[in-house]
Protein backbone atom coordinates (compact mmCIF):
# COMPACT_ATOMS: atom_id res chain seq x y z
CA UNK A 1 71.19 123.15 164.95
CA UNK A 2 72.62 120.83 162.18
CA UNK A 3 71.44 117.35 161.25
CA UNK A 4 74.42 115.19 160.32
CA UNK A 5 74.54 111.67 158.79
CA UNK A 6 76.91 109.34 157.45
CA UNK A 7 77.52 110.01 153.59
CA UNK A 8 75.57 106.93 152.52
CA UNK A 9 72.33 107.68 154.62
CA UNK A 10 70.38 109.37 151.71
CA UNK A 11 70.89 106.37 149.53
CA UNK A 12 68.76 104.10 151.68
CA UNK A 13 65.56 102.88 150.42
CA UNK A 14 63.24 100.54 152.08
CA UNK A 15 62.94 97.09 150.08
CA UNK A 16 59.44 96.56 151.41
CA UNK A 17 58.09 93.06 150.02
CA UNK A 18 61.62 91.76 148.83
CA UNK A 19 62.73 92.03 152.75
CA UNK A 20 63.39 88.56 154.01
CA UNK A 21 63.45 89.92 157.52
CA UNK A 22 60.61 91.98 157.72
CA UNK A 23 60.72 94.61 160.73
CA UNK A 24 56.72 94.08 160.80
CA UNK A 25 57.51 90.69 162.22
CA UNK A 26 58.39 89.84 165.69
CA UNK A 27 58.73 93.51 167.08
CA UNK A 28 56.11 95.33 169.33
CA UNK A 29 55.27 98.47 167.57
CA UNK A 30 54.24 101.24 169.87
CA UNK A 31 51.73 103.91 168.29
CA UNK A 32 52.49 107.43 169.33
CA UNK A 33 49.64 109.79 170.70
CA UNK A 34 49.40 111.99 167.54
CA UNK A 35 49.08 108.86 165.19
CA UNK A 36 46.70 107.30 167.30
CA UNK A 37 44.29 110.30 167.22
CA UNK A 38 44.60 110.20 163.37
CA UNK A 39 43.82 106.54 163.53
CA UNK A 40 40.84 107.06 165.46
CA UNK A 41 39.41 109.35 162.70
CA UNK A 42 39.77 106.89 159.91
CA UNK A 43 36.53 105.51 158.93
CA UNK A 44 35.39 102.32 156.80
CA UNK A 45 36.83 98.86 156.88
CA UNK A 46 40.54 100.16 157.45
CA UNK A 47 39.24 102.44 160.48
CA UNK A 48 37.45 99.29 162.01
CA UNK A 49 40.81 97.29 161.61
CA UNK A 50 42.74 100.03 163.07
CA UNK A 51 40.53 100.11 166.06
CA UNK A 52 40.74 96.45 166.59
CA UNK A 53 44.26 96.05 165.80
CA UNK A 54 45.74 98.37 168.41
CA UNK A 55 45.75 97.47 172.06
CA UNK A 56 45.06 100.68 174.21
CA UNK A 57 44.62 99.08 177.45
CA UNK A 58 48.38 99.31 178.63
CA UNK A 59 50.75 102.21 179.24
CA UNK A 60 51.62 102.50 175.80
CA UNK A 61 49.28 101.73 172.66
CA UNK A 62 50.64 99.28 170.33
CA UNK A 63 49.80 96.92 167.39
CA UNK A 64 48.54 93.48 168.46
CA UNK A 65 50.88 91.07 166.53
CA UNK A 66 48.93 88.18 164.98
CA UNK A 67 50.01 84.70 163.75
CA UNK A 68 53.86 84.27 163.63
CA UNK A 69 54.10 87.76 165.49
CA UNK A 70 53.18 89.65 162.20
CA UNK A 71 51.70 92.99 162.47
CA UNK A 72 48.07 92.98 161.49
CA UNK A 73 48.44 95.28 158.84
CA UNK A 74 51.47 93.35 157.19
CA UNK A 75 49.62 91.59 154.28
CA UNK A 76 50.44 88.23 152.69
CA UNK A 77 52.29 90.15 149.83
CA UNK A 78 54.68 91.90 152.39
CA UNK A 79 53.38 95.27 152.03
CA UNK A 80 51.72 97.48 154.55
CA UNK A 81 47.92 97.94 154.39
CA UNK A 82 48.27 101.47 155.87
CA UNK A 83 50.73 102.64 153.61
CA UNK A 84 48.91 101.16 150.40
CA UNK A 85 45.55 102.78 151.49
CA UNK A 86 46.69 105.86 153.31
CA UNK A 87 50.23 106.68 152.10
CA UNK A 88 53.40 106.62 153.91
CA UNK A 89 52.58 109.97 155.84
CA UNK A 90 50.04 107.82 158.04
CA UNK A 91 52.51 105.69 159.58
CA UNK A 92 53.15 106.02 163.33
CA UNK A 93 56.61 107.60 164.27
CA UNK A 94 58.41 104.14 165.12
CA UNK A 95 57.40 102.92 161.47
CA UNK A 96 58.33 106.08 159.78
CA UNK A 97 61.95 105.99 161.53
CA UNK A 98 62.82 102.67 161.42
CA UNK A 99 65.77 101.56 161.02
CA UNK A 100 67.03 105.16 161.70
CA UNK A 101 68.47 105.99 164.99
CA UNK A 102 69.48 109.38 166.32
CA UNK A 103 71.95 110.79 168.93
CA UNK A 104 71.72 114.32 170.22
CA UNK A 105 74.34 116.84 171.05
CA UNK A 106 74.24 120.40 172.07
CA UNK A 107 75.00 121.90 168.42
CA UNK A 108 73.58 118.86 166.23
CA UNK A 109 71.34 115.75 165.89
CA UNK A 110 73.35 112.90 164.21
CA UNK A 111 71.27 110.29 162.39
CA UNK A 112 71.92 106.82 161.13
CA UNK A 113 70.85 103.49 159.87
CA UNK A 114 70.63 100.41 162.12
CA UNK A 115 72.23 97.14 160.84
CA UNK A 116 69.12 95.39 162.00
CA UNK A 117 67.76 96.27 158.77
CA UNK A 118 69.07 94.06 155.73
CA UNK A 119 68.68 96.91 153.16
CA UNK A 120 70.84 99.11 155.52
CA UNK A 121 73.20 96.33 155.89
CA UNK A 122 73.77 95.79 152.22
CA UNK A 123 74.19 99.47 151.94
CA UNK A 124 76.97 99.88 154.72
CA UNK A 125 78.86 96.77 154.72
CA UNK A 126 79.37 96.32 150.85
CA UNK A 127 80.42 99.93 150.06
CA UNK A 128 83.97 100.46 149.26
CA UNK A 129 84.47 104.04 150.03
CA UNK A 130 85.43 105.37 153.46
CA UNK A 131 82.65 106.71 155.72
CA UNK A 132 82.61 110.44 156.09
CA UNK A 133 79.99 112.56 157.88
CA UNK A 134 77.86 115.10 156.03
CA UNK A 135 75.41 117.91 157.14
CA UNK A 136 71.95 117.17 155.76
CA UNK A 137 70.36 120.34 157.32
CA UNK A 138 71.51 123.45 159.01
CA UNK A 139 69.29 126.22 160.41
CA UNK A 140 72.15 128.68 160.32
CA UNK A 141 72.02 129.02 164.06
CA UNK A 142 75.61 128.82 165.33
CA UNK A 143 75.21 126.62 168.78
CA UNK A 144 78.47 126.07 170.47
CA UNK A 145 79.33 122.54 171.39
CA UNK A 146 79.52 122.07 175.01
CA UNK A 147 82.98 120.61 176.47
CA UNK A 148 81.78 116.97 177.04
CA UNK A 149 80.43 116.80 173.55
CA UNK A 150 83.26 118.18 171.87
CA UNK A 151 85.74 116.04 173.84
CA UNK A 152 83.78 112.81 172.66
CA UNK A 153 83.41 113.87 169.20
CA UNK A 154 87.13 114.80 168.83
CA UNK A 155 88.14 111.61 170.33
CA UNK A 156 85.70 109.65 167.92
CA UNK A 157 87.24 111.44 164.86
CA UNK A 158 90.58 110.06 166.10
CA UNK A 159 89.05 106.44 166.17
CA UNK A 160 87.61 106.84 162.89
CA UNK A 161 90.92 107.85 161.47
CA UNK A 162 92.56 104.65 163.05
CA UNK A 163 89.67 102.32 161.96
CA UNK A 164 89.77 103.60 158.30
CA UNK A 165 93.54 103.42 157.93
CA UNK A 166 94.14 101.32 155.19
CA UNK A 167 97.73 100.92 155.49
CA UNK A 168 97.23 98.54 158.50
CA UNK A 169 95.32 95.32 158.74
CA UNK A 170 91.84 95.53 160.26
CA UNK A 171 93.29 93.57 163.07
CA UNK A 172 96.02 96.18 163.67
CA UNK A 173 93.39 98.78 163.42
CA UNK A 174 91.31 97.37 166.48
CA UNK A 175 94.37 96.74 168.42
CA UNK A 176 95.08 100.57 167.82
CA UNK A 177 91.53 101.65 168.88
CA UNK A 178 91.98 99.63 172.09
CA UNK A 179 95.34 101.23 172.59
CA UNK A 180 93.84 104.56 172.16
CA UNK A 181 91.03 103.92 174.74
CA UNK A 182 93.51 102.31 176.99
CA UNK A 183 91.43 99.32 177.53
CA UNK A 184 92.24 95.72 177.27
CA UNK A 185 89.42 93.24 176.55
CA UNK A 186 89.59 90.12 179.03
CA UNK A 187 91.19 87.24 177.43
CA UNK A 188 88.35 84.82 177.18
CA UNK A 189 88.16 81.83 174.70
CA UNK A 190 85.40 81.99 172.02
CA UNK A 191 83.53 79.27 174.03
CA UNK A 192 83.68 81.64 177.28
CA UNK A 193 82.19 84.62 175.21
CA UNK A 194 79.66 82.39 173.62
CA UNK A 195 78.43 81.37 177.04
CA UNK A 196 78.07 85.03 178.05
CA UNK A 197 76.15 86.06 175.04
CA UNK A 198 73.94 82.87 175.67
CA UNK A 199 73.12 84.22 178.99
CA UNK A 200 71.62 87.50 177.35
CA UNK A 201 68.04 87.94 176.63
CA UNK A 202 67.41 86.56 173.04
CA UNK A 203 64.50 87.03 170.30
CA UNK A 204 65.15 84.45 167.76
CA UNK A 205 65.96 80.64 168.10
CA UNK A 206 67.92 81.07 165.28
CA UNK A 207 70.30 83.52 167.23
CA UNK A 208 70.68 80.75 170.14
CA UNK A 209 71.46 78.37 167.30
CA UNK A 210 74.33 80.70 166.00
CA UNK A 211 75.66 81.12 169.46
CA UNK A 212 75.50 77.42 170.09
CA UNK A 213 77.55 76.86 166.86
CA UNK A 214 79.93 79.46 167.91
CA UNK A 215 80.55 77.50 171.22
CA UNK A 216 80.74 74.11 169.75
CA UNK A 217 82.65 74.87 166.52
CA UNK A 218 86.69 74.71 166.27
CA UNK A 219 87.70 77.68 164.17
CA UNK A 220 91.35 77.46 164.90
CA UNK A 221 91.93 76.29 161.18
CA UNK A 222 89.17 78.55 159.69
CA UNK A 223 90.11 81.07 157.27
CA UNK A 224 90.98 84.48 158.64
CA UNK A 225 88.88 86.50 156.08
CA UNK A 226 91.86 88.95 155.40
CA UNK A 227 91.26 89.69 151.78
CA UNK A 228 91.10 93.23 150.45
CA UNK A 229 87.01 92.67 150.19
CA UNK A 230 86.72 91.52 153.76
CA UNK A 231 89.07 94.07 155.18
CA UNK A 232 86.86 96.92 153.84
CA UNK A 233 83.68 95.25 154.85
CA UNK A 234 85.00 94.61 158.49
CA UNK A 235 86.33 98.23 158.59
CA UNK A 236 82.61 99.47 157.56
CA UNK A 237 81.50 97.33 160.53
CA UNK A 238 83.96 98.96 162.84
CA UNK A 239 83.17 102.34 161.92
CA UNK A 240 79.37 101.90 162.21
CA UNK A 241 79.69 100.51 165.91
CA UNK A 242 81.88 103.60 166.67
CA UNK A 243 79.44 105.94 165.12
CA UNK A 244 76.47 104.68 166.78
CA UNK A 245 77.70 103.36 170.14
CA UNK A 246 80.23 106.05 171.36
CA UNK A 247 77.80 108.83 172.08
CA UNK A 248 76.16 106.76 174.70
CA UNK A 249 79.34 107.22 176.89
CA UNK A 250 78.05 110.87 177.35
CA UNK A 251 75.10 109.17 179.47
CA UNK A 252 77.00 106.79 181.34
CA UNK A 253 80.71 107.76 181.36
CA UNK A 254 81.98 104.67 179.82
CA UNK A 255 84.11 106.07 177.13
CA UNK A 256 87.03 103.26 177.36
CA UNK A 257 84.01 100.51 177.65
CA UNK A 258 82.17 101.67 174.89
CA UNK A 259 85.00 101.61 172.48
CA UNK A 260 86.07 98.11 173.70
CA UNK A 261 82.14 96.95 173.32
CA UNK A 262 82.50 98.50 169.39
CA UNK A 263 85.75 96.15 169.06
CA UNK A 264 83.97 93.09 170.76
CA UNK A 265 80.82 93.33 168.55
CA UNK A 266 83.32 93.42 165.49
CA UNK A 267 85.33 90.48 166.84
CA UNK A 268 82.06 88.21 167.55
CA UNK A 269 80.53 88.97 164.07
CA UNK A 270 84.00 88.08 162.46
CA UNK A 271 84.05 84.90 164.31
CA UNK A 272 80.53 84.02 163.72
CA UNK A 273 81.50 84.47 159.87
CA UNK A 274 84.52 82.15 160.35
CA UNK A 275 82.13 79.58 162.21
CA UNK A 276 79.73 79.98 159.22
CA UNK A 277 82.65 79.23 156.75
CA UNK A 278 83.63 75.89 158.64
CA UNK A 279 80.14 74.65 158.97
CA UNK A 280 78.76 75.61 155.38
CA UNK A 281 81.93 75.30 153.39
CA UNK A 282 82.45 79.10 152.79
CA UNK A 283 81.17 82.40 153.63
CA UNK A 284 80.29 85.60 151.68
CA UNK A 285 79.16 88.96 152.41
CA UNK A 286 75.69 88.29 152.22
CA UNK A 287 76.32 85.97 155.09
CA UNK A 288 78.07 88.97 156.85
CA UNK A 289 75.13 91.24 156.25
CA UNK A 290 72.77 88.71 157.76
CA UNK A 291 75.09 87.95 160.79
CA UNK A 292 75.34 91.81 161.38
CA UNK A 293 71.62 92.16 161.14
CA UNK A 294 70.98 89.67 163.87
CA UNK A 295 73.56 90.74 166.15
CA UNK A 296 72.19 94.33 165.62
CA UNK A 297 68.81 93.11 166.52
CA UNK A 298 69.50 90.81 169.56
CA UNK A 299 72.23 93.21 171.11
CA UNK A 300 71.96 96.74 170.10
CA UNK A 301 68.18 97.05 170.34
CA UNK A 302 68.26 95.81 174.14
CA UNK A 303 69.84 98.24 176.57
CA UNK A 304 69.91 95.35 179.07
CA UNK A 305 71.99 93.17 176.79
CA UNK A 306 74.27 95.92 176.16
CA UNK A 307 74.88 96.78 179.66
CA UNK A 308 75.52 93.07 180.47
CA UNK A 309 78.43 93.00 177.77
CA UNK A 310 79.81 96.27 179.25
CA UNK A 311 79.97 94.61 182.63
CA UNK A 312 81.44 91.77 181.33
CA UNK A 313 84.19 93.73 179.58
CA UNK A 314 85.22 94.96 183.01
CA UNK A 315 85.24 91.66 184.70
CA UNK A 316 88.49 89.79 185.06
């Protein structure tokens, strides 16, 4: 079995107290059984805080969020008291993994970094090199890919090649991705897509504000963001979605729809950038990182929202 990741994966590092959008705020954080058992063994003041800071009454134990939906162990300096007192090895599985995600195949596990993390977004969207996949671990066992896995990975490799063909503009590439998927995204206006997104479950009021701005702002004269810098950044965005989202087709069979969802996600984030440029007199890659972060958190981390958008893609 092999562990495979994008080539930038090993460069990731949490920025801790320098993070403007802490993953320790606003998220319900479950505590796995092994870590919970360890926390029960911790003594002293921290042990008492752990006892009082975890809700064990429901189906899944989780940290009890405090004021402003902060994890009870996130201190005022933006650091985790569990780490400072017990070390990173004492974190529960979710905290250890975040923002990492995994997709599983018959001969490999693929790991990646979610754009909901601003440090991951900086790493992914500001890099200039084309993304390649590398083997991080290999136990030497030569498992064979089953047919569905092999078919999907071969197809994804073809879409990667299209997405990273820098002889074409990014808009030409996304059209080619849709052609390869034999899928036509319904011809809806930006206002209509904004209405669809506004019907979805939303976490932050600021996301609602962004969508409302997208609905209310005329971007017909906005810059197309077609400079070399933006072309590469949008390429990284599209490749990210293809890497993360296409594997779900193995579960739901929506191969064409998943590819279209990747293109739709790129286009919505692109147009949010154009809206930002109109309303604020310009837009930069820092704004792209923040918009992608919010999109990922609001959409990718909600199965219900992704399913609703897939349904919308198949509706005339």
